[in-house]
Amino acid sequence: AEELAVGAKAVVEQGVMDDVDACYGIHIWSMVDSPKINMEIGE
């Protein structure tokens, strides 16, 4: 349920993050040339 922006909230409320020290996520993106990867600080 990411497309309605309700899935992350639901799993957080059910404790999936309770013992987590760090989390990592990515998105496949057509505005970036393959096989480059973007990881940067900020917004």
PDB file of all heavy atoms in Angstrom:
ATOM      1  N   ALA A   1       0.785  -1.236   0.000  1.00  0.00           N
ATOM      2  CA  ALA A   1       0.000   0.000   0.000  1.00  0.00           C
ATOM      3  C   ALA A   1       0.817   1.286   0.000  1.00  0.00           C
ATOM      4  O   ALA A   1       0.434   2.259   0.651  1.00  0.00           O
ATOM      5  CB  ALA A   1      -0.959  -0.013   1.197  1.00  0.00           C
ATOM      6  N   GLU A   2       1.902   1.313  -0.767  1.00  0.00           N
ATOM      7  CA  GLU A   2       2.670   2.554  -0.866  1.00  0.00           C
ATOM      8  C   GLU A   2       1.952   3.575  -1.728  1.00  0.00           C
ATOM      9  O   GLU A   2       2.012   4.780  -1.456  1.00  0.00           O
ATOM     10  CB  GLU A   2       4.063   2.279  -1.443  1.00  0.00           C
ATOM     11  CG  GLU A   2       4.983   3.493  -1.473  1.00  0.00           C
ATOM     12  CD  GLU A   2       4.795   4.412  -2.672  1.00  0.00           C
ATOM     13  OE1 GLU A   2       4.375   3.924  -3.747  1.00  0.00           O
ATOM     14  OE2 GLU A   2       5.051   5.632  -2.538  1.00  0.00           O
ATOM     15  N   GLU A   3       1.267   3.114  -2.772  1.00  0.00           N
ATOM     16  CA  GLU A   3       0.661   4.050  -3.726  1.00  0.00           C
ATOM     17  C   GLU A   3      -0.436   4.909  -3.105  1.00  0.00           C
ATOM     18  O   GLU A   3      -0.731   5.983  -3.612  1.00  0.00           O
ATOM     19  CB  GLU A   3       0.113   3.288  -4.945  1.00  0.00           C
ATOM     20  CG  GLU A   3       1.182   2.626  -5.808  1.00  0.00           C
ATOM     21  CD  GLU A   3       2.108   3.617  -6.493  1.00  0.00           C
ATOM     22  OE1 GLU A   3       1.781   4.825  -6.508  1.00  0.00           O
ATOM     23  OE2 GLU A   3       3.148   3.191  -7.014  1.00  0.00           O
ATOM     24  N   LEU A   4      -1.036   4.456  -2.025  1.00  0.00           N
ATOM     25  CA  LEU A   4      -2.006   5.278  -1.299  1.00  0.00           C
ATOM     26  C   LEU A   4      -1.406   5.869  -0.030  1.00  0.00           C
ATOM     27  O   LEU A   4      -2.108   6.513   0.756  1.00  0.00           O
ATOM     28  CB  LEU A   4      -3.252   4.454  -0.944  1.00  0.00           C
ATOM     29  CG  LEU A   4      -4.177   4.080  -2.104  1.00  0.00           C
ATOM     30  CD1 LEU A   4      -5.375   3.292  -1.584  1.00  0.00           C
ATOM     31  CD2 LEU A   4      -4.655   5.314  -2.874  1.00  0.00           C
ATOM     32  N   ALA A   5      -0.112   5.638   0.162  1.00  0.00           N
ATOM     33  CA  ALA A   5       0.621   6.193   1.315  1.00  0.00           C
ATOM     34  C   ALA A   5       0.012   5.782   2.647  1.00  0.00           C
ATOM     35  O   ALA A   5      -0.003   6.561   3.604  1.00  0.00           O
ATOM     36  CB  ALA A   5       0.714   7.716   1.212  1.00  0.00           C
ATOM     37  N   VAL A   6      -0.467   4.535   2.723  1.00  0.00           N
ATOM     38  CA  VAL A   6      -1.016   4.051   3.994  1.00  0.00           C
ATOM     39  C   VAL A   6      -0.269   2.820   4.507  1.00  0.00           C
ATOM     40  O   VAL A   6      -0.406   2.451   5.678  1.00  0.00           O
ATOM     41  CB  VAL A   6      -2.524   3.716   3.869  1.00  0.00           C
ATOM     42  CG1 VAL A   6      -3.315   4.968   3.560  1.00  0.00           C
ATOM     43  CG2 VAL A   6      -2.779   2.646   2.807  1.00  0.00           C
ATOM     44  N   GLY A   7       0.544   2.188   3.659  1.00  0.00           N
ATOM     45  CA  GLY A   7       1.202   0.942   4.049  1.00  0.00           C
ATOM     46  C   GLY A   7       2.296   1.114   5.079  1.00  0.00           C
ATOM     47  O   GLY A   7       2.358   0.366   6.069  1.00  0.00           O
ATOM     48  N   ALA A   8       3.166   2.090   4.883  1.00  0.00           N
ATOM     49  CA  ALA A   8       4.271   2.294   5.824  1.00  0.00           C
ATOM     50  C   ALA A   8       3.743   2.647   7.210  1.00  0.00           C
ATOM     51  O   ALA A   8       4.218   2.140   8.228  1.00  0.00           O
ATOM     52  CB  ALA A   8       5.208   3.382   5.310  1.00  0.00           C
ATOM     53  N   LYS A   9       2.755   3.521   7.252  1.00  0.00           N
ATOM     54  CA  LYS A   9       2.161   3.900   8.540  1.00  0.00           C
ATOM     55  C   LYS A   9       1.591   2.677   9.254  1.00  0.00           C
ATOM     56  O   LYS A   9       1.786   2.496  10.462  1.00  0.00           O
ATOM     57  CB  LYS A   9       1.064   4.935   8.318  1.00  0.00           C
ATOM     58  CG  LYS A   9       0.409   5.413   9.605  1.00  0.00           C
ATOM     59  CD  LYS A   9      -0.684   6.432   9.328  1.00  0.00           C
ATOM     60  CE  LYS A   9      -1.332   6.913  10.623  1.00  0.00           C
ATOM     61  NZ  LYS A   9      -2.437   7.866  10.372  1.00  0.00           N
ATOM     62  N   ALA A  10       0.919   1.815   8.476  1.00  0.00           N
ATOM     63  CA  ALA A  10       0.295   0.627   9.070  1.00  0.00           C
ATOM     64  C   ALA A  10       1.324  -0.329   9.659  1.00  0.00           C
ATOM     65  O   ALA A  10       1.165  -0.817  10.783  1.00  0.00           O
ATOM     66  CB  ALA A  10      -0.556  -0.097   8.024  1.00  0.00           C
ATOM     67  N   VAL A  11       2.400  -0.600   8.922  1.00  0.00           N
ATOM     68  CA  VAL A  11       3.385  -1.562   9.431  1.00  0.00           C
ATOM     69  C   VAL A  11       4.189  -0.977  10.584  1.00  0.00           C
ATOM     70  O   VAL A  11       4.616  -1.701  11.489  1.00  0.00           O
ATOM     71  CB  VAL A  11       4.306  -2.085   8.303  1.00  0.00           C
ATOM     72  CG1 VAL A  11       3.487  -2.774   7.222  1.00  0.00           C
ATOM     73  CG2 VAL A  11       5.176  -0.993   7.698  1.00  0.00           C
ATOM     74  N   VAL A  12       4.388   0.343  10.568  1.00  0.00           N
ATOM     75  CA  VAL A  12       5.052   0.998  11.702  1.00  0.00           C
ATOM     76  C   VAL A  12       4.190   0.869  12.956  1.00  0.00           C
ATOM     77  O   VAL A  12       4.684   0.552  14.048  1.00  0.00           O
ATOM     78  CB  VAL A  12       5.347   2.478  11.386  1.00  0.00           C
ATOM     79  CG1 VAL A  12       5.701   3.244  12.661  1.00  0.00           C
ATOM     80  CG2 VAL A  12       6.486   2.586  10.381  1.00  0.00           C
ATOM     81  N   GLU A  13       2.890   1.101  12.804  1.00  0.00           N
ATOM     82  CA  GLU A  13       1.979   0.989  13.943  1.00  0.00           C
ATOM     83  C   GLU A  13       1.923  -0.436  14.491  1.00  0.00           C
ATOM     84  O   GLU A  13       1.615  -0.643  15.668  1.00  0.00           O
ATOM     85  CB  GLU A  13       0.580   1.459  13.539  1.00  0.00           C
ATOM     86  CG  GLU A  13       0.493   2.973  13.335  1.00  0.00           C
ATOM     87  CD  GLU A  13      -0.851   3.421  12.802  1.00  0.00           C
ATOM     88  OE1 GLU A  13      -1.640   2.546  12.364  1.00  0.00           O
ATOM     89  OE2 GLU A  13      -1.117   4.638  12.818  1.00  0.00           O
ATOM     90  N   GLN A  14       2.247  -1.414  13.632  1.00  0.00           N
ATOM     91  CA  GLN A  14       2.251  -2.803  14.074  1.00  0.00           C
ATOM     92  C   GLN A  14       3.635  -3.265  14.546  1.00  0.00           C
ATOM     93  O   GLN A  14       3.864  -4.451  14.762  1.00  0.00           O
ATOM     94  CB  GLN A  14       1.714  -3.707  12.961  1.00  0.00           C
ATOM     95  CG  GLN A  14       0.244  -3.438  12.652  1.00  0.00           C
ATOM     96  CD  GLN A  14      -0.372  -4.416  11.678  1.00  0.00           C
ATOM     97  OE1 GLN A  14      -0.104  -5.623  11.738  1.00  0.00           O
ATOM     98  NE2 GLN A  14      -1.197  -3.925  10.767  1.00  0.00           N
ATOM     99  N   GLY A  15       4.549  -2.314  14.716  1.00  0.00           N
ATOM    100  CA  GLY A  15       5.801  -2.591  15.405  1.00  0.00           C
ATOM    101  C   GLY A  15       6.981  -3.016  14.573  1.00  0.00           C
ATOM    102  O   GLY A  15       8.010  -3.408  15.126  1.00  0.00           O
ATOM    103  N   VAL A  16       6.894  -2.890  13.242  1.00  0.00           N
ATOM    104  CA  VAL A  16       7.989  -3.391  12.419  1.00  0.00           C
ATOM    105  C   VAL A  16       9.296  -2.637  12.657  1.00  0.00           C
ATOM    106  O   VAL A  16      10.390  -3.173  12.460  1.00  0.00           O
ATOM    107  CB  VAL A  16       7.607  -3.348  10.923  1.00  0.00           C
ATOM    108  CG1 VAL A  16       7.669  -1.928  10.372  1.00  0.00           C
ATOM    109  CG2 VAL A  16       8.502  -4.258  10.083  1.00  0.00           C
ATOM    110  N   MET A  17       9.207  -1.387  13.140  1.00  0.00           N
ATOM    111  CA  MET A  17      10.396  -0.569  13.350  1.00  0.00           C
ATOM    112  C   MET A  17      10.850  -0.518  14.804  1.00  0.00           C
ATOM    113  O   MET A  17      11.829   0.156  15.117  1.00  0.00           O
ATOM    114  CB  MET A  17      10.130   0.859  12.858  1.00  0.00           C
ATOM    115  CG  MET A  17       9.907   0.998  11.366  1.00  0.00           C
ATOM    116  SD  MET A  17      11.388   0.627  10.411  1.00  0.00           S
ATOM    117  CE  MET A  17      12.451   1.982  10.890  1.00  0.00           C
ATOM    118  N   ASP A  18      10.163  -1.222  15.683  1.00  0.00           N
ATOM    119  CA  ASP A  18      10.420  -1.054  17.123  1.00  0.00           C
ATOM    120  C   ASP A  18      11.853  -1.373  17.537  1.00  0.00           C
ATOM    121  O   ASP A  18      12.384  -0.752  18.459  1.00  0.00           O
ATOM    122  CB  ASP A  18       9.442  -1.914  17.929  1.00  0.00           C
ATOM    123  CG  ASP A  18       8.027  -1.348  17.907  1.00  0.00           C
ATOM    124  OD1 ASP A  18       7.839  -0.256  17.348  1.00  0.00           O
ATOM    125  OD2 ASP A  18       7.114  -2.014  18.440  1.00  0.00           O
ATOM    126  N   ASP A  19      12.482  -2.343  16.890  1.00  0.00           N
ATOM    127  CA  ASP A  19      13.840  -2.732  17.280  1.00  0.00           C
ATOM    128  C   ASP A  19      14.878  -2.388  16.215  1.00  0.00           C
ATOM    129  O   ASP A  19      15.990  -2.907  16.225  1.00  0.00           O
ATOM    130  CB  ASP A  19      13.882  -4.239  17.566  1.00  0.00           C
ATOM    131  CG  ASP A  19      13.422  -5.064  16.368  1.00  0.00           C
ATOM    132  OD1 ASP A  19      12.883  -4.475  15.400  1.00  0.00           O
ATOM    133  OD2 ASP A  19      13.595  -6.300  16.390  1.00  0.00           O
ATOM    134  N   VAL A  20      14.512  -1.495  15.298  1.00  0.00           N
ATOM    135  CA  VAL A  20      15.379  -1.185  14.149  1.00  0.00           C
ATOM    136  C   VAL A  20      16.291  -0.005  14.467  1.00  0.00           C
ATOM    137  O   VAL A  20      15.854   1.030  14.973  1.00  0.00           O
ATOM    138  CB  VAL A  20      14.518  -0.891  12.897  1.00  0.00           C
ATOM    139  CG1 VAL A  20      15.381  -0.361  11.755  1.00  0.00           C
ATOM    140  CG2 VAL A  20      13.776  -2.154  12.463  1.00  0.00           C
ATOM    141  N   ASP A  21      17.581  -0.160  14.136  1.00  0.00           N
ATOM    142  CA  ASP A  21      18.565   0.902  14.356  1.00  0.00           C
ATOM    143  C   ASP A  21      18.775   1.783  13.131  1.00  0.00           C
ATOM    144  O   ASP A  21      19.215   2.931  13.253  1.00  0.00           O
ATOM    145  CB  ASP A  21      19.906   0.280  14.768  1.00  0.00           C
ATOM    146  CG  ASP A  21      19.795  -0.471  16.084  1.00  0.00           C
ATOM    147  OD1 ASP A  21      19.565   0.185  17.116  1.00  0.00           O
ATOM    148  OD2 ASP A  21      19.918  -1.719  16.081  1.00  0.00           O
ATOM    149  N   ALA A  22      18.480   1.253  11.942  1.00  0.00           N
ATOM    150  CA  ALA A  22      18.605   2.031  10.707  1.00  0.00           C
ATOM    151  C   ALA A  22      17.748   1.378   9.635  1.00  0.00           C
ATOM    152  O   ALA A  22      17.541   0.158   9.639  1.00  0.00           O
ATOM    153  CB  ALA A  22      20.055   2.111  10.237  1.00  0.00           C
ATOM    154  N   CYS A  23      17.236   2.193   8.705  1.00  0.00           N
ATOM    155  CA  CYS A  23      16.435   1.652   7.602  1.00  0.00           C
ATOM    156  C   CYS A  23      16.970   2.172   6.272  1.00  0.00           C
ATOM    157  O   CYS A  23      17.604   3.232   6.201  1.00  0.00           O
ATOM    158  CB  CYS A  23      14.960   1.985   7.776  1.00  0.00           C
ATOM    159  SG  CYS A  23      14.566   3.743   7.941  1.00  0.00           S
ATOM    160  N   TYR A  24      16.674   1.408   5.232  1.00  0.00           N
ATOM    161  CA  TYR A  24      17.223   1.677   3.898  1.00  0.00           C
ATOM    162  C   TYR A  24      16.135   1.420   2.864  1.00  0.00           C
ATOM    163  O   TYR A  24      15.449   0.398   2.912  1.00  0.00           O
ATOM    164  CB  TYR A  24      18.412   0.745   3.656  1.00  0.00           C
ATOM    165  CG  TYR A  24      18.977   0.727   2.247  1.00  0.00           C
ATOM    166  CD1 TYR A  24      20.092   1.496   1.923  1.00  0.00           C
ATOM    167  CD2 TYR A  24      18.421  -0.079   1.254  1.00  0.00           C
ATOM    168  CE1 TYR A  24      20.636   1.459   0.630  1.00  0.00           C
ATOM    169  CE2 TYR A  24      18.960  -0.117  -0.022  1.00  0.00           C
ATOM    170  CZ  TYR A  24      20.058   0.655  -0.327  1.00  0.00           C
ATOM    171  OH  TYR A  24      20.595   0.618  -1.594  1.00  0.00           O
ATOM    172  N   GLY A  25      15.969   2.365   1.941  1.00  0.00           N
ATOM    173  CA  GLY A  25      15.003   2.188   0.867  1.00  0.00           C
ATOM    174  C   GLY A  25      15.524   2.766  -0.430  1.00  0.00           C
ATOM    175  O   GLY A  25      16.391   3.655  -0.431  1.00  0.00           O
ATOM    176  N   ILE A  26      14.985   2.265  -1.543  1.00  0.00           N
ATOM    177  CA  ILE A  26      15.378   2.775  -2.865  1.00  0.00           C
ATOM    178  C   ILE A  26      14.159   2.827  -3.774  1.00  0.00           C
ATOM    179  O   ILE A  26      13.115   2.242  -3.473  1.00  0.00           O
ATOM    180  CB  ILE A  26      16.466   1.902  -3.541  1.00  0.00           C
ATOM    181  CG1 ILE A  26      16.039   0.415  -3.584  1.00  0.00           C
ATOM    182  CG2 ILE A  26      17.801   2.083  -2.848  1.00  0.00           C
ATOM    183  CD1 ILE A  26      15.161   0.026  -4.748  1.00  0.00           C
ATOM    184  N   HIS A  27      14.325   3.534  -4.886  1.00  0.00           N
ATOM    185  CA  HIS A  27      13.318   3.509  -5.946  1.00  0.00           C
ATOM    186  C   HIS A  27      14.024   3.393  -7.283  1.00  0.00           C
ATOM    187  O   HIS A  27      15.013   4.078  -7.533  1.00  0.00           O
ATOM    188  CB  HIS A  27      12.463   4.778  -5.925  1.00  0.00           C
ATOM    189  CG  HIS A  27      11.078   4.557  -6.456  1.00  0.00           C
ATOM    190  ND1 HIS A  27      10.827   4.118  -7.738  1.00  0.00           N
ATOM    191  CD2 HIS A  27       9.856   4.687  -5.859  1.00  0.00           C
ATOM    192  CE1 HIS A  27       9.515   4.005  -7.915  1.00  0.00           C
ATOM    193  NE2 HIS A  27       8.912   4.331  -6.782  1.00  0.00           N
ATOM    194  N   ILE A  28      13.538   2.505  -8.126  1.00  0.00           N
ATOM    195  CA  ILE A  28      14.025   2.442  -9.506  1.00  0.00           C
ATOM    196  C   ILE A  28      13.522   3.707 -10.195  1.00  0.00           C
ATOM    197  O   ILE A  28      12.369   4.104 -10.010  1.00  0.00           O
ATOM    198  CB  ILE A  28      13.522   1.158 -10.210  1.00  0.00           C
ATOM    199  CG1 ILE A  28      14.287   0.889 -11.511  1.00  0.00           C
ATOM    200  CG2 ILE A  28      12.025   1.168 -10.440  1.00  0.00           C
ATOM    201  CD1 ILE A  28      15.533   0.099 -11.353  1.00  0.00           C
ATOM    202  N   TRP A  29      14.372   4.373 -10.996  1.00  0.00           N
ATOM    203  CA  TRP A  29      14.007   5.717 -11.453  1.00  0.00           C
ATOM    204  C   TRP A  29      14.431   5.948 -12.904  1.00  0.00           C
ATOM    205  O   TRP A  29      15.603   5.810 -13.254  1.00  0.00           O
ATOM    206  CB  TRP A  29      14.645   6.759 -10.536  1.00  0.00           C
ATOM    207  CG  TRP A  29      13.859   8.017 -10.455  1.00  0.00           C
ATOM    208  CD1 TRP A  29      14.214   9.246 -10.926  1.00  0.00           C
ATOM    209  CD2 TRP A  29      12.560   8.175  -9.861  1.00  0.00           C
ATOM    210  NE1 TRP A  29      13.221  10.162 -10.655  1.00  0.00           N
ATOM    211  CE2 TRP A  29      12.193   9.533 -10.011  1.00  0.00           C
ATOM    212  CE3 TRP A  29      11.665   7.299  -9.235  1.00  0.00           C
ATOM    213  CZ2 TRP A  29      10.975  10.029  -9.544  1.00  0.00           C
ATOM    214  CZ3 TRP A  29      10.456   7.797  -8.775  1.00  0.00           C
ATOM    215  CH2 TRP A  29      10.126   9.141  -8.929  1.00  0.00           C
ATOM    216  N   SER A  30      13.464   6.354 -13.712  1.00  0.00           N
ATOM    217  CA  SER A  30      13.733   6.538 -15.143  1.00  0.00           C
ATOM    218  C   SER A  30      14.471   7.837 -15.446  1.00  0.00           C
ATOM    219  O   SER A  30      14.961   8.022 -16.559  1.00  0.00           O
ATOM    220  CB  SER A  30      12.416   6.506 -15.922  1.00  0.00           C
ATOM    221  OG  SER A  30      11.599   7.609 -15.572  1.00  0.00           O
ATOM    222  N   MET A  31      14.553   8.728 -14.487  1.00  0.00           N
ATOM    223  CA  MET A  31      15.266   9.981 -14.699  1.00  0.00           C
ATOM    224  C   MET A  31      16.754   9.859 -14.370  1.00  0.00           C
ATOM    225  O   MET A  31      17.493  10.845 -14.405  1.00  0.00           O
ATOM    226  CB  MET A  31      14.648  11.096 -13.851  1.00  0.00           C
ATOM    227  CG  MET A  31      13.200  11.414 -14.195  1.00  0.00           C
ATOM    228  SD  MET A  31      12.966  12.020 -15.890  1.00  0.00           S
ATOM    229  CE  MET A  31      12.225  10.569 -16.667  1.00  0.00           C
ATOM    230  N   VAL A  32      17.188   8.640 -14.050  1.00  0.00           N
ATOM    231  CA  VAL A  32      18.597   8.364 -13.767  1.00  0.00           C
ATOM    232  C   VAL A  32      19.084   7.302 -14.749  1.00  0.00           C
ATOM    233  O   VAL A  32      18.418   6.289 -14.962  1.00  0.00           O
ATOM    234  CB  VAL A  32      18.799   7.870 -12.320  1.00  0.00           C
ATOM    235  CG1 VAL A  32      20.261   7.536 -12.052  1.00  0.00           C
ATOM    236  CG2 VAL A  32      18.297   8.915 -11.325  1.00  0.00           C
ATOM    237  N   ASP A  33      20.251   7.537 -15.343  1.00  0.00           N
ATOM    238  CA  ASP A  33      20.799   6.576 -16.298  1.00  0.00           C
ATOM    239  C   ASP A  33      21.226   5.293 -15.607  1.00  0.00           C
ATOM    240  O   ASP A  33      21.833   5.322 -14.528  1.00  0.00           O
ATOM    241  CB  ASP A  33      22.010   7.179 -17.022  1.00  0.00           C
ATOM    242  CG  ASP A  33      21.611   8.260 -18.010  1.00  0.00           C
ATOM    243  OD1 ASP A  33      20.469   8.226 -18.498  1.00  0.00           O
ATOM    244  OD2 ASP A  33      22.434   9.157 -18.278  1.00  0.00           O
ATOM    245  N   SER A  34      20.903   4.180 -16.227  1.00  0.00           N
ATOM    246  CA  SER A  34      21.373   2.880 -15.742  1.00  0.00           C
ATOM    247  C   SER A  34      22.840   2.722 -16.116  1.00  0.00           C
ATOM    248  O   SER A  34      23.265   3.121 -17.215  1.00  0.00           O
ATOM    249  CB  SER A  34      20.549   1.775 -16.399  1.00  0.00           C
ATOM    250  OG  SER A  34      21.061   0.511 -16.101  1.00  0.00           O
ATOM    251  N   PRO A  35      23.657   2.132 -15.234  1.00  0.00           N
ATOM    252  CA  PRO A  35      23.327   1.567 -13.931  1.00  0.00           C
ATOM    253  C   PRO A  35      23.772   2.466 -12.774  1.00  0.00           C
ATOM    254  O   PRO A  35      24.211   1.985 -11.738  1.00  0.00           O
ATOM    255  CB  PRO A  35      24.112   0.270 -13.945  1.00  0.00           C
ATOM    256  CG  PRO A  35      25.389   0.649 -14.661  1.00  0.00           C
ATOM    257  CD  PRO A  35      25.007   1.708 -15.673  1.00  0.00           C
ATOM    258  N   LYS A  36      23.678   3.773 -12.967  1.00  0.00           N
ATOM    259  CA  LYS A  36      24.093   4.713 -11.924  1.00  0.00           C
ATOM    260  C   LYS A  36      23.157   4.626 -10.713  1.00  0.00           C
ATOM    261  O   LYS A  36      21.993   4.239 -10.826  1.00  0.00           O
ATOM    262  CB  LYS A  36      24.084   6.142 -12.450  1.00  0.00           C
ATOM    263  CG  LYS A  36      25.003   6.383 -13.640  1.00  0.00           C
ATOM    264  CD  LYS A  36      26.438   6.495 -13.213  1.00  0.00           C
ATOM    265  CE  LYS A  36      27.320   6.972 -14.371  1.00  0.00           C
ATOM    266  NZ  LYS A  36      28.719   7.146 -13.979  1.00  0.00           N
ATOM    267  N   ILE A  37      23.671   5.040  -9.564  1.00  0.00           N
ATOM    268  CA  ILE A  37      22.903   5.013  -8.327  1.00  0.00           C
ATOM    269  C   ILE A  37      23.067   6.350  -7.612  1.00  0.00           C
ATOM    270  O   ILE A  37      24.167   6.901  -7.550  1.00  0.00           O
ATOM    271  CB  ILE A  37      23.361   3.855  -7.421  1.00  0.00           C
ATOM    272  CG1 ILE A  37      23.045   2.511  -8.103  1.00  0.00           C
ATOM    273  CG2 ILE A  37      22.690   3.927  -6.045  1.00  0.00           C
ATOM    274  CD1 ILE A  37      23.589   1.302  -7.385  1.00  0.00           C
ATOM    275  N   ASN A  38      21.960   6.865  -7.107  1.00  0.00           N
ATOM    276  CA  ASN A  38      21.991   8.138  -6.377  1.00  0.00           C
ATOM    277  C   ASN A  38      21.773   7.916  -4.892  1.00  0.00           C
ATOM    278  O   ASN A  38      20.791   7.310  -4.473  1.00  0.00           O
ATOM    279  CB  ASN A  38      20.914   9.083  -6.913  1.00  0.00           C
ATOM    280  CG  ASN A  38      20.754  10.316  -6.025  1.00  0.00           C
ATOM    281  OD1 ASN A  38      19.844  10.389  -5.206  1.00  0.00           O
ATOM    282  ND2 ASN A  38      21.654  11.271  -6.173  1.00  0.00           N
ATOM    283  N   MET A  39      22.711   8.395  -4.100  1.00  0.00           N
ATOM    284  CA  MET A  39      22.606   8.415  -2.638  1.00  0.00           C
ATOM    285  C   MET A  39      23.192   9.742  -2.181  1.00  0.00           C
ATOM    286  O   MET A  39      24.393   9.956  -2.343  1.00  0.00           O
ATOM    287  CB  MET A  39      23.407   7.263  -2.008  1.00  0.00           C
ATOM    288  CG  MET A  39      22.968   5.873  -2.387  1.00  0.00           C
ATOM    289  SD  MET A  39      21.472   5.397  -1.520  1.00  0.00           S
ATOM    290  CE  MET A  39      21.212   3.753  -2.220  1.00  0.00           C
ATOM    291  N   GLU A  40      22.367  10.640  -1.647  1.00  0.00           N
ATOM    292  CA  GLU A  40      22.927  11.920  -1.216  1.00  0.00           C
ATOM    293  C   GLU A  40      22.158  12.505  -0.041  1.00  0.00           C
ATOM    294  O   GLU A  40      21.008  12.154   0.218  1.00  0.00           O
ATOM    295  CB  GLU A  40      22.997  12.909  -2.376  1.00  0.00           C
ATOM    296  CG  GLU A  40      21.695  13.268  -3.028  1.00  0.00           C
ATOM    297  CD  GLU A  40      21.914  14.151  -4.261  1.00  0.00           C
ATOM    298  OE1 GLU A  40      22.080  15.369  -4.088  1.00  0.00           O
ATOM    299  OE2 GLU A  40      21.908  13.605  -5.392  1.00  0.00           O
ATOM    300  N   ILE A  41      22.826  13.406   0.646  1.00  0.00           N
ATOM    301  CA  ILE A  41      22.273  14.028   1.840  1.00  0.00           C
ATOM    302  C   ILE A  41      21.190  15.034   1.455  1.00  0.00           C
ATOM    303  O   ILE A  41      21.191  15.581   0.349  1.00  0.00           O
ATOM    304  CB  ILE A  41      23.394  14.734   2.650  1.00  0.00           C
ATOM    305  CG1 ILE A  41      22.928  15.061   4.078  1.00  0.00           C
ATOM    306  CG2 ILE A  41      23.891  15.966   1.923  1.00  0.00           C
ATOM    307  CD1 ILE A  41      22.825  13.880   4.979  1.00  0.00           C
ATOM    308  N   GLY A  42      20.245  15.254   2.380  1.00  0.00           N
ATOM    309  CA  GLY A  42      19.281  16.326   2.197  1.00  0.00           C
ATOM    310  C   GLY A  42      17.904  15.877   1.746  1.00  0.00           C
ATOM    311  O   GLY A  42      17.549  14.696   1.794  1.00  0.00           O
ATOM    312  N   GLU A  43      17.114  16.855   1.306  1.00  0.00           N
ATOM    313  CA  GLU A  43      15.741  16.617   0.876  1.00  0.00           C
ATOM    314  C   GLU A  43      15.721  15.788  -0.403  1.00  0.00           C
ATOM    315  O   GLU A  43      16.402  16.101  -1.374  1.00  0.00           O
ATOM    316  CB  GLU A  43      15.040  17.956   0.639  1.00  0.00           C
ATOM    317  CG  GLU A  43      14.961  18.822   1.893  1.00  0.00           C
ATOM    318  CD  GLU A  43      14.544  20.252   1.616  1.00  0.00           C
ATOM    319  OE1 GLU A  43      14.640  20.676   0.436  1.00  0.00           O
ATOM    320  OE2 GLU A  43      14.135  20.950   2.560  1.00  0.00           O
TER     321      GLU A  43
END
